[in-house]
Amino acid sequence: MDKKLIIRYILLILGVTIMSLGIALSLKSTLGTPPISCIPAVLAVSFPWTVGEFTIVFNALLVIFQMVLLRKITLSQIAQMLVCILFGYMIDFNLSFIDFINPTMYISQWILLIVSCLVLAFGLVIEVKSDITMLPGDGAVVAIGEVLNKDWGKVKPFFDVTVVSIGVILALVFIGHLEGVREGTIFSAITVGFIIQFYNKAFGYKLDNYLEK
């Protein structure tokens, strides 16, 4: 196997693992998770499955959504299914790993949330640079954009708003108050993209240069 291809797979696994840590940190902050994880976070509070298990189910449904929307099954979709399984189990693993972190003061919760955004963005950059596949959430956005002939950047905000809205409804129905979807969810949705841009300028281009040689 080509050396660069092996490195790409390593980057994919590393990126997904780091992203799962970012999600786990956001969960421990209790201020809300990033949009893509708010539905699993809400359901995990309401039912006896873990966040990771609901993440796997939710992302698997997003892959099936792509298949139905595009009316085809691709290798990328199959790869997304495998990635979401790793992603889900690593969220649960990291939640156990950082179980000792339980901030009680609002300021410390915000500090932890900001750290989670920094970690999540770092993992996203590495995952994207691997250029192997993507998480089902991003795959769904790409599929919607392809069908509607819209740019990814224009579809993504509407997708996030839809997911967050569903999370809010589920929280109010099953829990009776907002949990898993809070001010931190909005903060993450707004800031992670800017952090990714910073990382790309800081080191992302170096990965691109190395992998494309």
C-alpha atoms as a PDB file:
ATOM      1  CA  MET A   1       0.000   0.000   0.000  1.00  0.00           C
ATOM      2  CA  ASP A   2       1.201   3.501  -0.819  1.00  0.00           C
ATOM      3  CA  LYS A   3       2.889   5.236   2.130  1.00  0.00           C
ATOM      4  CA  LYS A   4       0.860   8.428   1.682  1.00  0.00           C
ATOM      5  CA  LEU A   5      -2.382   6.433   1.639  1.00  0.00           C
ATOM      6  CA  ILE A   6      -1.457   4.788   4.942  1.00  0.00           C
ATOM      7  CA  ILE A   7      -0.776   8.229   6.395  1.00  0.00           C
ATOM      8  CA  ARG A   8      -4.171   9.420   5.156  1.00  0.00           C
ATOM      9  CA  TYR A   9      -5.920   6.537   6.954  1.00  0.00           C
ATOM     10  CA  ILE A  10      -3.950   7.292  10.112  1.00  0.00           C
ATOM     11  CA  LEU A  11      -4.987  10.941   9.867  1.00  0.00           C
ATOM     12  CA  LEU A  12      -8.625   9.908   9.416  1.00  0.00           C
ATOM     13  CA  ILE A  13      -8.594   7.719  12.534  1.00  0.00           C
ATOM     14  CA  LEU A  14      -6.651  10.321  14.518  1.00  0.00           C
ATOM     15  CA  GLY A  15      -8.968  13.117  13.400  1.00  0.00           C
ATOM     16  CA  VAL A  16     -12.129  11.202  14.324  1.00  0.00           C
ATOM     17  CA  THR A  17     -10.631  10.265  17.700  1.00  0.00           C
ATOM     18  CA  ILE A  18      -9.749  13.892  18.483  1.00  0.00           C
ATOM     19  CA  MET A  19     -13.189  15.046  17.342  1.00  0.00           C
ATOM     20  CA  SER A  20     -14.815  12.533  19.680  1.00  0.00           C
ATOM     21  CA  LEU A  21     -12.765  13.992  22.544  1.00  0.00           C
ATOM     22  CA  GLY A  22     -14.033  17.448  21.602  1.00  0.00           C
ATOM     23  CA  ILE A  23     -17.621  16.195  21.743  1.00  0.00           C
ATOM     24  CA  ALA A  24     -16.980  14.503  25.100  1.00  0.00           C
ATOM     25  CA  LEU A  25     -15.560  17.740  26.525  1.00  0.00           C
ATOM     26  CA  SER A  26     -18.596  19.693  25.330  1.00  0.00           C
ATOM     27  CA  LEU A  27     -20.867  17.149  27.008  1.00  0.00           C
ATOM     28  CA  LYS A  28     -18.958  17.518  30.281  1.00  0.00           C
ATOM     29  CA  SER A  29     -19.342  21.294  30.095  1.00  0.00           C
ATOM     30  CA  THR A  30     -23.154  20.744  30.217  1.00  0.00           C
ATOM     31  CA  LEU A  31     -23.627  23.938  28.189  1.00  0.00           C
ATOM     32  CA  GLY A  32     -24.654  22.115  25.027  1.00  0.00           C
ATOM     33  CA  THR A  33     -22.923  20.141  22.307  1.00  0.00           C
ATOM     34  CA  PRO A  34     -22.129  21.128  18.708  1.00  0.00           C
ATOM     35  CA  PRO A  35     -25.185  20.852  16.404  1.00  0.00           C
ATOM     36  CA  ILE A  36     -24.322  17.438  14.956  1.00  0.00           C
ATOM     37  CA  SER A  37     -24.288  15.847  18.442  1.00  0.00           C
ATOM     38  CA  CYS A  38     -27.217  17.615  20.081  1.00  0.00           C
ATOM     39  CA  ILE A  39     -29.828  15.015  19.061  1.00  0.00           C
ATOM     40  CA  PRO A  40     -27.806  12.032  20.411  1.00  0.00           C
ATOM     41  CA  ALA A  41     -27.038  14.059  23.562  1.00  0.00           C
ATOM     42  CA  VAL A  42     -30.723  14.749  24.206  1.00  0.00           C
ATOM     43  CA  LEU A  43     -31.787  11.158  23.510  1.00  0.00           C
ATOM     44  CA  ALA A  44     -29.065   9.779  25.801  1.00  0.00           C
ATOM     45  CA  VAL A  45     -30.590  11.739  28.686  1.00  0.00           C
ATOM     46  CA  SER A  46     -34.058  10.419  27.880  1.00  0.00           C
ATOM     47  CA  PHE A  47     -33.337   6.763  27.098  1.00  0.00           C
ATOM     48  CA  PRO A  48     -30.969   4.068  28.460  1.00  0.00           C
ATOM     49  CA  TRP A  49     -28.519   4.191  25.541  1.00  0.00           C
ATOM     50  CA  THR A  50     -25.213   6.047  25.616  1.00  0.00           C
ATOM     51  CA  VAL A  51     -24.412   9.186  23.633  1.00  0.00           C
ATOM     52  CA  GLY A  52     -22.031   7.131  21.514  1.00  0.00           C
ATOM     53  CA  GLU A  53     -24.672   4.531  20.695  1.00  0.00           C
ATOM     54  CA  PHE A  54     -27.201   7.188  19.712  1.00  0.00           C
ATOM     55  CA  THR A  55     -24.460   8.889  17.683  1.00  0.00           C
ATOM     56  CA  ILE A  56     -23.942   5.698  15.690  1.00  0.00           C
ATOM     57  CA  VAL A  57     -27.683   5.286  15.061  1.00  0.00           C
ATOM     58  CA  PHE A  58     -28.198   8.950  14.150  1.00  0.00           C
ATOM     59  CA  ASN A  59     -25.246   9.008  11.777  1.00  0.00           C
ATOM     60  CA  ALA A  60     -26.285   5.697  10.217  1.00  0.00           C
ATOM     61  CA  LEU A  61     -29.676   7.279   9.488  1.00  0.00           C
ATOM     62  CA  LEU A  62     -27.881  10.200   7.843  1.00  0.00           C
ATOM     63  CA  VAL A  63     -26.022   7.762   5.589  1.00  0.00           C
ATOM     64  CA  ILE A  64     -29.298   6.053   4.655  1.00  0.00           C
ATOM     65  CA  PHE A  65     -30.757   9.516   4.001  1.00  0.00           C
ATOM     66  CA  GLN A  66     -27.929  10.152   1.521  1.00  0.00           C
ATOM     67  CA  MET A  67     -28.558   6.837  -0.218  1.00  0.00           C
ATOM     68  CA  VAL A  68     -32.267   7.582  -0.597  1.00  0.00           C
ATOM     69  CA  LEU A  69     -31.718  11.185  -1.639  1.00  0.00           C
ATOM     70  CA  LEU A  70     -29.073  10.370  -4.247  1.00  0.00           C
ATOM     71  CA  ARG A  71     -30.671   7.031  -5.206  1.00  0.00           C
ATOM     72  CA  LYS A  72     -27.351   5.247  -5.129  1.00  0.00           C
ATOM     73  CA  ILE A  73     -24.936   3.537  -2.777  1.00  0.00           C
ATOM     74  CA  THR A  74     -21.313   4.616  -2.940  1.00  0.00           C
ATOM     75  CA  LEU A  75     -18.052   3.523  -1.341  1.00  0.00           C
ATOM     76  CA  SER A  76     -17.919   6.910   0.388  1.00  0.00           C
ATOM     77  CA  GLN A  77     -21.250   6.208   2.092  1.00  0.00           C
ATOM     78  CA  ILE A  78     -20.065   2.795   3.260  1.00  0.00           C
ATOM     79  CA  ALA A  79     -16.870   4.386   4.573  1.00  0.00           C
ATOM     80  CA  GLN A  80     -18.957   6.992   6.404  1.00  0.00           C
ATOM     81  CA  MET A  81     -20.848   4.182   8.128  1.00  0.00           C
ATOM     82  CA  LEU A  82     -17.596   2.678   9.386  1.00  0.00           C
ATOM     83  CA  VAL A  83     -16.323   6.077  10.523  1.00  0.00           C
ATOM     84  CA  CYS A  84     -19.500   6.842  12.464  1.00  0.00           C
ATOM     85  CA  ILE A  85     -19.142   3.553  14.370  1.00  0.00           C
ATOM     86  CA  LEU A  86     -15.615   4.534  15.398  1.00  0.00           C
ATOM     87  CA  PHE A  87     -16.818   8.047  16.212  1.00  0.00           C
ATOM     88  CA  GLY A  88     -19.630   6.806  18.454  1.00  0.00           C
ATOM     89  CA  TYR A  89     -17.551   4.354  20.433  1.00  0.00           C
ATOM     90  CA  MET A  90     -14.734   6.855  20.872  1.00  0.00           C
ATOM     91  CA  ILE A  91     -17.185   9.413  22.307  1.00  0.00           C
ATOM     92  CA  ASP A  92     -18.179   6.899  24.986  1.00  0.00           C
ATOM     93  CA  PHE A  93     -14.534   5.967  25.604  1.00  0.00           C
ATOM     94  CA  ASN A  94     -13.496   9.605  26.005  1.00  0.00           C
ATOM     95  CA  LEU A  95     -16.451  10.310  28.290  1.00  0.00           C
ATOM     96  CA  SER A  96     -15.171   7.541  30.552  1.00  0.00           C
ATOM     97  CA  PHE A  97     -11.592   8.797  30.210  1.00  0.00           C
ATOM     98  CA  ILE A  98     -12.494  12.333  31.351  1.00  0.00           C
ATOM     99  CA  ASP A  99     -15.147  11.258  33.846  1.00  0.00           C
ATOM    100  CA  PHE A 100     -13.256  13.126  36.584  1.00  0.00           C
ATOM    101  CA  ILE A 101     -13.927  16.481  34.862  1.00  0.00           C
ATOM    102  CA  ASN A 102     -17.096  17.945  36.344  1.00  0.00           C
ATOM    103  CA  PRO A 103     -17.080  21.766  36.318  1.00  0.00           C
ATOM    104  CA  THR A 104     -19.659  23.343  38.615  1.00  0.00           C
ATOM    105  CA  MET A 105     -19.031  27.058  38.134  1.00  0.00           C
ATOM    106  CA  TYR A 106     -20.489  28.731  35.042  1.00  0.00           C
ATOM    107  CA  ILE A 107     -17.128  30.280  34.113  1.00  0.00           C
ATOM    108  CA  SER A 108     -15.360  26.912  34.334  1.00  0.00           C
ATOM    109  CA  GLN A 109     -18.092  25.363  32.195  1.00  0.00           C
ATOM    110  CA  TRP A 110     -17.449  28.011  29.551  1.00  0.00           C
ATOM    111  CA  ILE A 111     -13.702  27.436  29.690  1.00  0.00           C
ATOM    112  CA  LEU A 112     -14.266  23.727  29.126  1.00  0.00           C
ATOM    113  CA  LEU A 113     -16.662  24.463  26.264  1.00  0.00           C
ATOM    114  CA  ILE A 114     -14.105  26.724  24.573  1.00  0.00           C
ATOM    115  CA  VAL A 115     -11.459  24.002  24.956  1.00  0.00           C
ATOM    116  CA  SER A 116     -13.900  21.512  23.411  1.00  0.00           C
ATOM    117  CA  CYS A 117     -14.337  23.788  20.374  1.00  0.00           C
ATOM    118  CA  LEU A 118     -10.562  24.075  19.958  1.00  0.00           C
ATOM    119  CA  VAL A 119     -10.179  20.283  20.162  1.00  0.00           C
ATOM    120  CA  LEU A 120     -13.133  19.569  17.860  1.00  0.00           C
ATOM    121  CA  ALA A 121     -11.864  21.993  15.208  1.00  0.00           C
ATOM    122  CA  PHE A 122      -8.383  20.461  15.392  1.00  0.00           C
ATOM    123  CA  GLY A 123      -9.823  16.991  14.818  1.00  0.00           C
ATOM    124  CA  LEU A 124     -11.994  18.241  11.957  1.00  0.00           C
ATOM    125  CA  VAL A 125      -8.995  19.739  10.165  1.00  0.00           C
ATOM    126  CA  ILE A 126      -7.035  16.486  10.421  1.00  0.00           C
ATOM    127  CA  GLU A 127     -10.051  14.413   9.332  1.00  0.00           C
ATOM    128  CA  VAL A 128     -10.674  16.627   6.287  1.00  0.00           C
ATOM    129  CA  LYS A 129      -6.985  16.624   5.308  1.00  0.00           C
ATOM    130  CA  SER A 130      -7.016  12.825   5.197  1.00  0.00           C
ATOM    131  CA  ASP A 131      -9.310  13.143   2.156  1.00  0.00           C
ATOM    132  CA  ILE A 132     -10.570   9.572   2.659  1.00  0.00           C
ATOM    133  CA  THR A 133     -14.174  10.177   3.594  1.00  0.00           C
ATOM    134  CA  MET A 134     -16.269  12.465   5.800  1.00  0.00           C
ATOM    135  CA  LEU A 135     -18.642  12.191   8.718  1.00  0.00           C
ATOM    136  CA  PRO A 136     -22.272  11.443   7.725  1.00  0.00           C
ATOM    137  CA  GLY A 137     -23.415  14.913   8.797  1.00  0.00           C
ATOM    138  CA  ASP A 138     -21.136  16.538   6.245  1.00  0.00           C
ATOM    139  CA  GLY A 139     -22.020  13.833   3.743  1.00  0.00           C
ATOM    140  CA  ALA A 140     -25.706  14.681   4.143  1.00  0.00           C
ATOM    141  CA  VAL A 141     -24.969  18.368   3.521  1.00  0.00           C
ATOM    142  CA  VAL A 142     -23.033  17.471   0.365  1.00  0.00           C
ATOM    143  CA  ALA A 143     -25.879  15.236  -0.841  1.00  0.00           C
ATOM    144  CA  ILE A 144     -28.500  17.941  -0.240  1.00  0.00           C
ATOM    145  CA  GLY A 145     -26.321  20.468  -2.037  1.00  0.00           C
ATOM    146  CA  GLU A 146     -25.915  18.114  -4.989  1.00  0.00           C
ATOM    147  CA  VAL A 147     -29.656  17.572  -5.329  1.00  0.00           C
ATOM    148  CA  LEU A 148     -30.534  21.255  -4.883  1.00  0.00           C
ATOM    149  CA  ASN A 149     -27.508  22.423  -6.876  1.00  0.00           C
ATOM    150  CA  LYS A 150     -26.431  24.574  -3.943  1.00  0.00           C
ATOM    151  CA  ASP A 151     -22.981  25.266  -2.530  1.00  0.00           C
ATOM    152  CA  TRP A 152     -21.969  23.379   0.645  1.00  0.00           C
ATOM    153  CA  GLY A 153     -21.511  26.631   2.531  1.00  0.00           C
ATOM    154  CA  LYS A 154     -25.088  27.682   1.800  1.00  0.00           C
ATOM    155  CA  VAL A 155     -26.646  24.347   2.796  1.00  0.00           C
ATOM    156  CA  LYS A 156     -24.639  23.805   5.998  1.00  0.00           C
ATOM    157  CA  PRO A 157     -26.264  26.603   8.093  1.00  0.00           C
ATOM    158  CA  PHE A 158     -29.775  25.399   7.247  1.00  0.00           C
ATOM    159  CA  PHE A 159     -28.799  21.819   8.066  1.00  0.00           C
ATOM    160  CA  ASP A 160     -27.390  22.873  11.451  1.00  0.00           C
ATOM    161  CA  VAL A 161     -30.489  24.946  12.262  1.00  0.00           C
ATOM    162  CA  THR A 162     -32.718  21.980  11.382  1.00  0.00           C
ATOM    163  CA  VAL A 163     -30.727  19.570  13.568  1.00  0.00           C
ATOM    164  CA  VAL A 164     -30.649  22.003  16.509  1.00  0.00           C
ATOM    165  CA  SER A 165     -34.390  22.672  16.168  1.00  0.00           C
ATOM    166  CA  ILE A 166     -35.115  18.939  16.287  1.00  0.00           C
ATOM    167  CA  GLY A 167     -32.844  18.665  19.335  1.00  0.00           C
ATOM    168  CA  VAL A 168     -34.734  21.470  21.096  1.00  0.00           C
ATOM    169  CA  ILE A 169     -38.096  19.850  20.369  1.00  0.00           C
ATOM    170  CA  LEU A 170     -36.886  16.446  21.600  1.00  0.00           C
ATOM    171  CA  ALA A 171     -35.462  18.017  24.776  1.00  0.00           C
ATOM    172  CA  LEU A 172     -38.724  19.808  25.575  1.00  0.00           C
ATOM    173  CA  VAL A 173     -40.826  16.711  24.835  1.00  0.00           C
ATOM    174  CA  PHE A 174     -38.744  14.064  26.629  1.00  0.00           C
ATOM    175  CA  ILE A 175     -36.911  16.064  29.320  1.00  0.00           C
ATOM    176  CA  GLY A 176     -39.126  19.087  29.845  1.00  0.00           C
ATOM    177  CA  HIS A 177     -36.262  21.569  29.634  1.00  0.00           C
ATOM    178  CA  LEU A 178     -33.225  22.291  27.478  1.00  0.00           C
ATOM    179  CA  GLU A 179     -30.405  19.836  28.098  1.00  0.00           C
ATOM    180  CA  GLY A 180     -27.801  18.885  25.525  1.00  0.00           C
ATOM    181  CA  VAL A 181     -28.935  21.897  23.494  1.00  0.00           C
ATOM    182  CA  ARG A 182     -28.046  25.174  25.149  1.00  0.00           C
ATOM    183  CA  GLU A 183     -26.103  28.375  24.588  1.00  0.00           C
ATOM    184  CA  GLY A 184     -22.959  26.325  24.014  1.00  0.00           C
ATOM    185  CA  THR A 185     -24.569  24.736  20.952  1.00  0.00           C
ATOM    186  CA  ILE A 186     -24.964  28.124  19.286  1.00  0.00           C
ATOM    187  CA  PHE A 187     -21.467  29.160  20.369  1.00  0.00           C
ATOM    188  CA  SER A 188     -19.962  26.001  18.866  1.00  0.00           C
ATOM    189  CA  ALA A 189     -21.892  26.402  15.622  1.00  0.00           C
ATOM    190  CA  ILE A 190     -20.548  29.933  15.210  1.00  0.00           C
ATOM    191  CA  THR A 191     -16.948  29.574  16.380  1.00  0.00           C
ATOM    192  CA  VAL A 192     -15.726  26.157  15.198  1.00  0.00           C
ATOM    193  CA  GLY A 193     -15.636  27.290  11.567  1.00  0.00           C
ATOM    194  CA  PHE A 194     -13.449  30.280  12.432  1.00  0.00           C
ATOM    195  CA  ILE A 195     -11.110  28.091  14.485  1.00  0.00           C
ATOM    196  CA  ILE A 196     -10.802  25.709  11.534  1.00  0.00           C
ATOM    197  CA  GLN A 197      -9.799  28.634   9.310  1.00  0.00           C
ATOM    198  CA  PHE A 198      -7.124  29.603  11.839  1.00  0.00           C
ATOM    199  CA  TYR A 199      -5.768  26.042  12.000  1.00  0.00           C
ATOM    200  CA  ASN A 200      -5.701  25.814   8.205  1.00  0.00           C
ATOM    201  CA  LYS A 201      -3.592  28.971   8.019  1.00  0.00           C
ATOM    202  CA  ALA A 202      -1.375  27.821  10.888  1.00  0.00           C
ATOM    203  CA  PHE A 203      -0.588  24.247   9.795  1.00  0.00           C
ATOM    204  CA  GLY A 204      -3.257  22.850   7.469  1.00  0.00           C
ATOM    205  CA  TYR A 205      -1.452  23.914   4.320  1.00  0.00           C
ATOM    206  CA  LYS A 206       1.645  22.022   5.489  1.00  0.00           C
ATOM    207  CA  LEU A 207      -0.343  18.784   5.619  1.00  0.00           C
ATOM    208  CA  ASP A 208      -1.716  19.481   2.148  1.00  0.00           C
ATOM    209  CA  ASN A 209       1.768  20.148   0.767  1.00  0.00           C
ATOM    210  CA  TYR A 210       3.154  16.956   2.306  1.00  0.00           C
ATOM    211  CA  LEU A 211       0.315  14.694   1.178  1.00  0.00           C
ATOM    212  CA  GLU A 212       0.216  16.074  -2.359  1.00  0.00           C
ATOM    213  CA  LYS A 213       3.943  15.661  -3.065  1.00  0.00           C
END
